[in-house]
């Protein structure tokens, strides 16, 4: 099996956000959680917990966003 982009993630102080997902995205999220559990041997109780690390990974690897962040000197995750 190919290595998934998302690995183990640390718990952090949460900020509550409410958002509706299309059913197809939720199904894919559940499937991703199952694949991640098989790969890591770590069960994901609630697939919704994957959304934050997925978004963080996406933003961390988005080169255009990195340029904007540097240009505007936005604080990085975990700062300020």
N, C-alpha and C. Protein backbone atom coordinates (compact mmCIF):
# COMPACT_ATOMS: atom_id res chain seq x y z
N UNK A 1 0.85 -1.18 0.00
CA UNK A 1 0.00 0.00 0.00
C UNK A 1 0.89 1.24 0.00
N UNK A 2 0.51 2.23 -0.75
CA UNK A 2 1.25 3.50 -0.81
C UNK A 2 1.14 4.21 0.53
N UNK A 3 2.19 4.93 0.88
CA UNK A 3 2.20 5.69 2.14
C UNK A 3 1.24 6.87 2.02
N UNK A 4 0.37 7.02 2.99
CA UNK A 4 -0.59 8.13 3.01
C UNK A 4 0.13 9.41 3.39
N UNK A 5 -0.38 10.53 2.90
CA UNK A 5 0.22 11.83 3.22
C UNK A 5 0.04 12.19 4.69
N UNK A 6 -1.04 11.74 5.28
CA UNK A 6 -1.32 12.08 6.66
C UNK A 6 -0.80 10.98 7.56
N UNK A 7 -0.02 11.35 8.54
CA UNK A 7 0.51 10.38 9.49
C UNK A 7 -0.14 10.57 10.84
N UNK A 8 0.51 10.10 11.87
CA UNK A 8 0.00 10.27 13.22
C UNK A 8 -0.07 11.76 13.54
N UNK A 9 -1.02 12.14 14.35
CA UNK A 9 -1.17 13.55 14.67
C UNK A 9 -1.33 13.72 16.17
N UNK A 10 -0.82 14.83 16.66
CA UNK A 10 -0.87 15.13 18.09
C UNK A 10 -2.16 15.86 18.42
N UNK A 11 -2.66 15.60 19.58
CA UNK A 11 -3.83 16.33 20.06
C UNK A 11 -3.41 17.75 20.42
N UNK A 12 -4.25 18.71 20.15
CA UNK A 12 -3.98 20.11 20.44
C UNK A 12 -5.26 20.72 20.98
N UNK A 13 -5.15 21.88 21.58
CA UNK A 13 -6.35 22.54 22.09
C UNK A 13 -7.26 22.87 20.91
N UNK A 14 -8.46 22.33 20.90
CA UNK A 14 -9.35 22.50 19.74
C UNK A 14 -10.08 23.85 19.74
N UNK A 15 -10.46 24.25 18.56
CA UNK A 15 -11.33 25.39 18.33
C UNK A 15 -12.54 24.83 17.59
N UNK A 16 -13.71 25.03 18.11
CA UNK A 16 -14.91 24.44 17.52
C UNK A 16 -15.31 25.18 16.25
N UNK A 17 -15.48 24.40 15.17
CA UNK A 17 -15.93 24.90 13.88
C UNK A 17 -17.04 23.97 13.40
N UNK A 18 -18.13 24.53 12.96
CA UNK A 18 -19.23 23.72 12.45
C UNK A 18 -19.33 23.93 10.95
N UNK A 19 -19.30 22.82 10.21
CA UNK A 19 -19.36 22.90 8.77
C UNK A 19 -20.00 21.63 8.23
N UNK A 20 -20.85 21.75 7.23
CA UNK A 20 -21.46 20.58 6.61
C UNK A 20 -20.56 20.09 5.48
N UNK A 21 -20.42 18.76 5.39
CA UNK A 21 -19.64 18.14 4.32
C UNK A 21 -20.58 17.45 3.35
N UNK A 22 -20.24 17.45 2.08
CA UNK A 22 -21.01 16.64 1.15
C UNK A 22 -20.87 15.17 1.56
N UNK A 23 -21.90 14.38 1.33
CA UNK A 23 -21.89 12.96 1.72
C UNK A 23 -20.70 12.23 1.10
N UNK A 24 -20.36 12.56 -0.13
CA UNK A 24 -19.24 11.88 -0.80
C UNK A 24 -17.91 12.18 -0.10
N UNK A 25 -17.75 13.40 0.39
CA UNK A 25 -16.53 13.76 1.11
C UNK A 25 -16.48 13.02 2.44
N UNK A 26 -17.61 12.90 3.12
CA UNK A 26 -17.65 12.17 4.38
C UNK A 26 -17.32 10.69 4.15
N UNK A 27 -17.87 10.10 3.10
CA UNK A 27 -17.55 8.70 2.79
C UNK A 27 -16.05 8.53 2.55
N UNK A 28 -15.46 9.46 1.81
CA UNK A 28 -14.02 9.40 1.55
C UNK A 28 -13.23 9.59 2.85
N UNK A 29 -13.70 10.44 3.72
CA UNK A 29 -13.04 10.67 5.01
C UNK A 29 -13.06 9.39 5.85
N UNK A 30 -14.18 8.70 5.85
CA UNK A 30 -14.29 7.43 6.58
C UNK A 30 -13.34 6.40 5.97
N UNK A 31 -13.29 6.34 4.64
CA UNK A 31 -12.40 5.39 3.97
C UNK A 31 -10.94 5.73 4.26
N UNK A 32 -10.60 7.01 4.29
CA UNK A 32 -9.24 7.43 4.60
C UNK A 32 -8.88 7.02 6.03
N UNK A 33 -9.80 7.22 6.95
CA UNK A 33 -9.55 6.84 8.35
C UNK A 33 -9.30 5.35 8.46
N UNK A 34 -10.05 4.55 7.72
CA UNK A 34 -9.85 3.11 7.73
C UNK A 34 -8.48 2.74 7.16
N UNK A 35 -8.10 3.37 6.06
CA UNK A 35 -6.79 3.10 5.45
C UNK A 35 -5.67 3.53 6.39
N UNK A 36 -5.83 4.67 7.03
CA UNK A 36 -4.82 5.16 7.97
C UNK A 36 -4.69 4.22 9.17
N UNK A 37 -5.81 3.71 9.64
CA UNK A 37 -5.79 2.78 10.77
C UNK A 37 -5.05 1.49 10.38
N UNK A 38 -5.28 1.00 9.17
CA UNK A 38 -4.57 -0.20 8.71
C UNK A 38 -3.07 0.07 8.59
N UNK A 39 -2.72 1.24 8.07
CA UNK A 39 -1.31 1.58 7.85
C UNK A 39 -0.57 1.82 9.16
N UNK A 40 -1.20 2.54 10.07
CA UNK A 40 -0.51 2.95 11.30
C UNK A 40 -0.74 2.00 12.47
N UNK A 41 -1.78 1.18 12.36
CA UNK A 41 -2.13 0.32 13.48
C UNK A 41 -2.80 1.07 14.61
N UNK A 42 -3.17 2.32 14.35
CA UNK A 42 -3.79 3.20 15.35
C UNK A 42 -5.22 3.48 14.89
N UNK A 43 -6.19 3.04 15.65
CA UNK A 43 -7.59 3.24 15.29
C UNK A 43 -7.97 4.72 15.37
N UNK A 44 -8.73 5.17 14.40
CA UNK A 44 -9.25 6.54 14.40
C UNK A 44 -10.71 6.44 14.80
N UNK A 45 -11.02 6.82 16.04
CA UNK A 45 -12.38 6.68 16.55
C UNK A 45 -13.39 7.49 15.76
N UNK A 46 -13.07 8.73 15.48
CA UNK A 46 -13.98 9.62 14.76
C UNK A 46 -13.25 10.20 13.56
N UNK A 47 -13.61 9.80 12.35
CA UNK A 47 -12.91 10.30 11.16
C UNK A 47 -12.91 11.82 11.03
N UNK A 48 -13.85 12.50 11.66
CA UNK A 48 -13.90 13.96 11.61
C UNK A 48 -12.63 14.57 12.21
N UNK A 49 -11.99 13.83 13.12
CA UNK A 49 -10.74 14.32 13.73
C UNK A 49 -9.62 14.46 12.71
N UNK A 50 -9.77 13.85 11.55
CA UNK A 50 -8.75 13.93 10.51
C UNK A 50 -8.81 15.25 9.74
N UNK A 51 -9.92 15.95 9.80
CA UNK A 51 -10.10 17.15 9.00
C UNK A 51 -9.04 18.20 9.33
N UNK A 52 -8.80 18.47 10.60
CA UNK A 52 -7.83 19.51 10.98
C UNK A 52 -6.42 19.16 10.51
N UNK A 53 -5.91 17.94 10.77
CA UNK A 53 -4.57 17.64 10.27
C UNK A 53 -4.48 17.64 8.75
N UNK A 54 -5.57 17.27 8.08
CA UNK A 54 -5.58 17.31 6.61
C UNK A 54 -5.47 18.75 6.11
N UNK A 55 -6.24 19.64 6.72
CA UNK A 55 -6.17 21.05 6.34
C UNK A 55 -4.80 21.64 6.64
N UNK A 56 -4.25 21.29 7.80
CA UNK A 56 -2.92 21.79 8.17
C UNK A 56 -1.88 21.31 7.17
N UNK A 57 -1.96 20.03 6.79
CA UNK A 57 -1.01 19.47 5.82
C UNK A 57 -1.17 20.17 4.47
N UNK A 58 -2.41 20.38 4.06
CA UNK A 58 -2.68 21.05 2.79
C UNK A 58 -2.06 22.45 2.78
N UNK A 59 -2.30 23.22 3.85
CA UNK A 59 -1.77 24.58 3.90
C UNK A 59 -0.25 24.60 4.01
N UNK A 60 0.31 23.63 4.72
CA UNK A 60 1.76 23.58 4.88
C UNK A 60 2.48 23.25 3.57
N UNK A 61 1.79 22.57 2.66
CA UNK A 61 2.43 22.17 1.40
C UNK A 61 1.98 23.01 0.21
N UNK A 62 1.16 24.02 0.45
CA UNK A 62 0.68 24.88 -0.63
C UNK A 62 1.69 26.01 -0.85
N UNK A 63 2.43 25.93 -1.92
CA UNK A 63 3.50 26.91 -2.18
C UNK A 63 2.98 28.33 -2.34
N UNK A 64 1.84 28.47 -3.01
CA UNK A 64 1.29 29.82 -3.19
C UNK A 64 0.92 30.43 -1.84
N UNK A 65 0.35 29.61 -0.95
CA UNK A 65 0.00 30.12 0.38
C UNK A 65 1.26 30.48 1.15
N UNK A 66 2.31 29.69 1.01
CA UNK A 66 3.58 29.99 1.69
C UNK A 66 4.12 31.34 1.25
N UNK A 67 4.01 31.64 -0.03
CA UNK A 67 4.47 32.95 -0.54
C UNK A 67 3.64 34.08 0.05
N UNK A 68 2.33 33.88 0.09
CA UNK A 68 1.44 34.89 0.67
C UNK A 68 1.76 35.08 2.14
N UNK A 69 1.95 33.98 2.85
CA UNK A 69 2.26 34.06 4.28
C UNK A 69 3.55 34.83 4.50
N UNK A 70 4.59 34.53 3.71
CA UNK A 70 5.86 35.24 3.86
C UNK A 70 5.69 36.72 3.51
N UNK A 71 4.96 37.01 2.45
CA UNK A 71 4.78 38.39 2.01
C UNK A 71 4.01 39.21 3.05
N UNK A 72 3.04 38.60 3.66
CA UNK A 72 2.22 39.31 4.64
C UNK A 72 2.70 39.07 6.06
N UNK A 73 3.69 38.22 6.22
CA UNK A 73 4.25 37.86 7.51
C UNK A 73 3.16 37.40 8.48
N UNK A 74 2.30 36.47 7.98
CA UNK A 74 1.27 35.90 8.84
C UNK A 74 1.94 35.00 9.86
N UNK A 75 1.42 34.95 11.08
CA UNK A 75 2.02 34.04 12.06
C UNK A 75 1.80 32.59 11.64
N UNK A 76 2.81 31.76 11.87
CA UNK A 76 2.70 30.35 11.55
C UNK A 76 1.84 29.67 12.58
N UNK A 77 1.36 28.44 12.24
CA UNK A 77 0.54 27.68 13.15
C UNK A 77 1.27 27.48 14.48
N UNK A 78 0.58 27.71 15.56
CA UNK A 78 1.17 27.55 16.87
C UNK A 78 1.78 28.83 17.43
N UNK A 79 1.88 29.85 16.61
CA UNK A 79 2.43 31.15 17.06
C UNK A 79 1.29 32.14 17.23
N UNK A 80 1.47 33.08 18.10
CA UNK A 80 0.57 34.21 18.28
C UNK A 80 -0.82 33.88 18.16
